[in-house]
């Protein structure tokens, strides 16, 4: 069985907006991520950590119920 050649994407910007799950499934069937894609994703994650506020800590104190 001959395997189809997969298209390598290097950037998150290369991923189109899909009109349906079927369209998305068909697109991903022949596309893969490159190492550059993962590096860009790591950079994006680091930038988001700097931009987004830290989650609020929950206070942990006991409350008496009577």
N, C-alpha and C. Protein backbone atom coordinates (compact mmCIF):
# COMPACT_ATOMS: atom_id res chain seq x y z
N UNK A 1 0.84 -1.18 0.00
CA UNK A 1 0.00 0.00 0.00
C UNK A 1 0.89 1.25 0.00
N UNK A 2 0.66 2.15 -0.93
CA UNK A 2 1.46 3.36 -1.05
C UNK A 2 0.95 4.41 -0.06
N UNK A 3 1.89 4.99 0.69
CA UNK A 3 1.52 5.99 1.69
C UNK A 3 1.56 7.38 1.06
N UNK A 4 0.55 8.20 1.36
CA UNK A 4 0.53 9.56 0.82
C UNK A 4 1.60 10.40 1.50
N UNK A 5 2.19 11.31 0.74
CA UNK A 5 3.17 12.22 1.30
C UNK A 5 2.44 13.25 2.16
N UNK A 6 2.95 13.45 3.36
CA UNK A 6 2.32 14.38 4.29
C UNK A 6 2.95 15.76 4.15
N UNK A 7 2.13 16.78 4.26
CA UNK A 7 2.59 18.15 4.20
C UNK A 7 3.03 18.57 5.60
N UNK A 8 4.19 19.18 5.71
CA UNK A 8 4.73 19.61 6.99
C UNK A 8 4.40 21.09 7.18
N UNK A 9 3.83 21.41 8.34
CA UNK A 9 3.54 22.81 8.63
C UNK A 9 4.55 23.32 9.66
N UNK A 10 5.02 24.55 9.45
CA UNK A 10 6.05 25.14 10.29
C UNK A 10 5.54 26.20 11.24
N UNK A 11 4.31 26.63 11.04
CA UNK A 11 3.78 27.73 11.84
C UNK A 11 2.31 27.51 12.13
N UNK A 12 1.88 27.98 13.26
CA UNK A 12 0.46 27.88 13.62
C UNK A 12 -0.39 28.69 12.65
N UNK A 13 0.22 29.67 12.00
CA UNK A 13 -0.50 30.51 11.03
C UNK A 13 -0.87 29.74 9.76
N UNK A 14 -0.27 28.59 9.55
CA UNK A 14 -0.56 27.78 8.37
C UNK A 14 -1.83 26.93 8.54
N UNK A 15 -2.35 26.86 9.75
CA UNK A 15 -3.55 26.06 10.00
C UNK A 15 -4.77 26.92 9.65
N UNK A 16 -5.57 26.47 8.69
CA UNK A 16 -6.73 27.27 8.28
C UNK A 16 -7.89 27.16 9.27
N UNK A 17 -8.88 28.01 9.09
CA UNK A 17 -10.13 27.89 9.85
C UNK A 17 -10.99 26.90 9.08
N UNK A 18 -11.54 25.97 9.81
CA UNK A 18 -12.31 24.90 9.18
C UNK A 18 -13.80 25.18 9.32
N UNK A 19 -14.54 24.80 8.29
CA UNK A 19 -16.00 25.00 8.29
C UNK A 19 -16.72 23.86 9.00
N UNK A 20 -16.05 22.70 9.10
CA UNK A 20 -16.69 21.55 9.75
C UNK A 20 -15.60 20.63 10.30
N UNK A 21 -16.01 19.72 11.17
CA UNK A 21 -15.07 18.74 11.70
C UNK A 21 -14.58 17.80 10.59
N UNK A 22 -15.45 17.49 9.64
CA UNK A 22 -15.05 16.62 8.53
C UNK A 22 -13.95 17.27 7.70
N UNK A 23 -14.10 18.57 7.44
CA UNK A 23 -13.08 19.30 6.69
C UNK A 23 -11.76 19.31 7.46
N UNK A 24 -11.83 19.54 8.77
CA UNK A 24 -10.63 19.54 9.60
C UNK A 24 -9.97 18.16 9.62
N UNK A 25 -10.77 17.13 9.78
CA UNK A 25 -10.25 15.76 9.81
C UNK A 25 -9.52 15.43 8.51
N UNK A 26 -10.10 15.81 7.39
CA UNK A 26 -9.48 15.55 6.09
C UNK A 26 -8.16 16.31 5.95
N UNK A 27 -8.12 17.53 6.44
CA UNK A 27 -6.90 18.33 6.35
C UNK A 27 -5.78 17.73 7.19
N UNK A 28 -6.10 17.33 8.43
CA UNK A 28 -5.08 16.77 9.32
C UNK A 28 -4.64 15.38 8.87
N UNK A 29 -5.41 14.73 8.04
CA UNK A 29 -5.04 13.39 7.56
C UNK A 29 -3.75 13.41 6.75
N UNK A 30 -3.40 14.56 6.17
CA UNK A 30 -2.16 14.62 5.39
C UNK A 30 -1.27 15.81 5.76
N UNK A 31 -1.36 16.28 7.01
CA UNK A 31 -0.50 17.35 7.50
C UNK A 31 0.14 16.93 8.82
N UNK A 32 1.38 17.35 9.03
CA UNK A 32 2.11 17.08 10.27
C UNK A 32 2.85 18.33 10.71
N UNK A 33 3.26 18.33 11.97
CA UNK A 33 4.03 19.44 12.54
C UNK A 33 5.52 19.24 12.31
N UNK A 34 6.22 20.35 12.10
CA UNK A 34 7.68 20.31 12.02
C UNK A 34 8.25 20.61 13.41
N UNK A 35 9.55 20.41 13.55
CA UNK A 35 10.21 20.79 14.81
C UNK A 35 10.07 22.29 15.04
N UNK A 36 10.14 23.08 13.97
CA UNK A 36 9.99 24.54 14.08
C UNK A 36 8.64 24.89 14.66
N UNK A 37 7.61 24.15 14.30
CA UNK A 37 6.27 24.40 14.82
C UNK A 37 6.27 24.29 16.34
N UNK A 38 6.90 23.22 16.85
CA UNK A 38 6.94 23.02 18.30
C UNK A 38 7.74 24.12 18.99
N UNK A 39 8.82 24.57 18.37
CA UNK A 39 9.61 25.67 18.95
C UNK A 39 8.78 26.94 19.00
N UNK A 40 8.04 27.23 17.94
CA UNK A 40 7.19 28.41 17.92
C UNK A 40 6.10 28.30 18.98
N UNK A 41 5.55 27.12 19.14
CA UNK A 41 4.51 26.90 20.14
C UNK A 41 5.08 27.13 21.54
N UNK A 42 6.30 26.66 21.81
CA UNK A 42 6.94 26.90 23.10
C UNK A 42 7.12 28.39 23.33
N UNK A 43 7.54 29.13 22.30
CA UNK A 43 7.71 30.58 22.42
C UNK A 43 6.39 31.25 22.73
N UNK A 44 5.33 30.82 22.08
CA UNK A 44 4.00 31.39 22.30
C UNK A 44 3.55 31.13 23.73
N UNK A 45 3.77 29.91 24.20
CA UNK A 45 3.38 29.55 25.57
C UNK A 45 4.12 30.41 26.57
N UNK A 46 5.41 30.63 26.34
CA UNK A 46 6.19 31.47 27.24
C UNK A 46 5.65 32.89 27.23
N UNK A 47 5.32 33.41 26.08
CA UNK A 47 4.78 34.76 25.99
C UNK A 47 3.44 34.86 26.69
N UNK A 48 2.59 33.86 26.55
CA UNK A 48 1.28 33.88 27.22
C UNK A 48 1.45 33.88 28.73
N UNK A 49 2.44 33.13 29.24
CA UNK A 49 2.69 33.10 30.68
C UNK A 49 3.05 34.48 31.19
N UNK A 50 3.71 35.27 30.37
CA UNK A 50 4.10 36.62 30.77
C UNK A 50 2.91 37.59 30.71
N UNK A 51 1.97 37.34 29.81
CA UNK A 51 0.85 38.25 29.59
C UNK A 51 -0.31 37.96 30.54
N UNK A 52 -0.65 36.69 30.70
CA UNK A 52 -1.82 36.32 31.49
C UNK A 52 -1.53 36.46 32.99
N UNK A 53 -2.53 36.88 33.75
CA UNK A 53 -2.33 36.99 35.19
C UNK A 53 -2.21 35.61 35.83
N UNK A 54 -1.54 35.56 36.95
CA UNK A 54 -1.43 34.31 37.68
C UNK A 54 -2.79 33.94 38.25
N UNK A 55 -3.08 32.66 38.36
CA UNK A 55 -4.36 32.27 38.94
C UNK A 55 -4.42 32.69 40.41
N UNK A 56 -5.62 33.00 40.87
CA UNK A 56 -5.79 33.39 42.27
C UNK A 56 -5.64 32.16 43.14
N UNK A 57 -4.95 32.34 44.25
CA UNK A 57 -4.80 31.23 45.19
C UNK A 57 -6.06 31.08 46.01
N UNK A 58 -6.41 29.86 46.27
CA UNK A 58 -7.57 29.60 47.12
C UNK A 58 -7.13 29.70 48.57
N UNK A 59 -7.95 30.34 49.34
CA UNK A 59 -7.66 30.41 50.77
C UNK A 59 -8.01 29.08 51.40
N UNK A 60 -7.12 28.59 52.18
CA UNK A 60 -7.43 27.32 52.81
C UNK A 60 -7.55 27.57 54.31
N UNK A 61 -8.74 27.77 54.73
CA UNK A 61 -9.00 27.91 56.16
C UNK A 61 -10.24 27.13 56.51
N UNK A 62 -10.25 26.66 57.71
CA UNK A 62 -11.35 25.82 58.15
C UNK A 62 -12.51 26.69 58.61
N UNK A 63 -13.69 26.26 58.26
CA UNK A 63 -14.90 26.96 58.68
C UNK A 63 -15.71 26.00 59.54
N UNK A 64 -16.09 26.48 60.69
CA UNK A 64 -16.87 25.64 61.62
C UNK A 64 -18.33 25.70 61.24
N UNK A 65 -18.94 24.55 61.17
CA UNK A 65 -20.37 24.46 60.92
C UNK A 65 -21.07 23.99 62.20
N UNK A 66 -22.15 24.62 62.58
CA UNK A 66 -22.86 24.23 63.81
C UNK A 66 -24.24 23.77 63.51
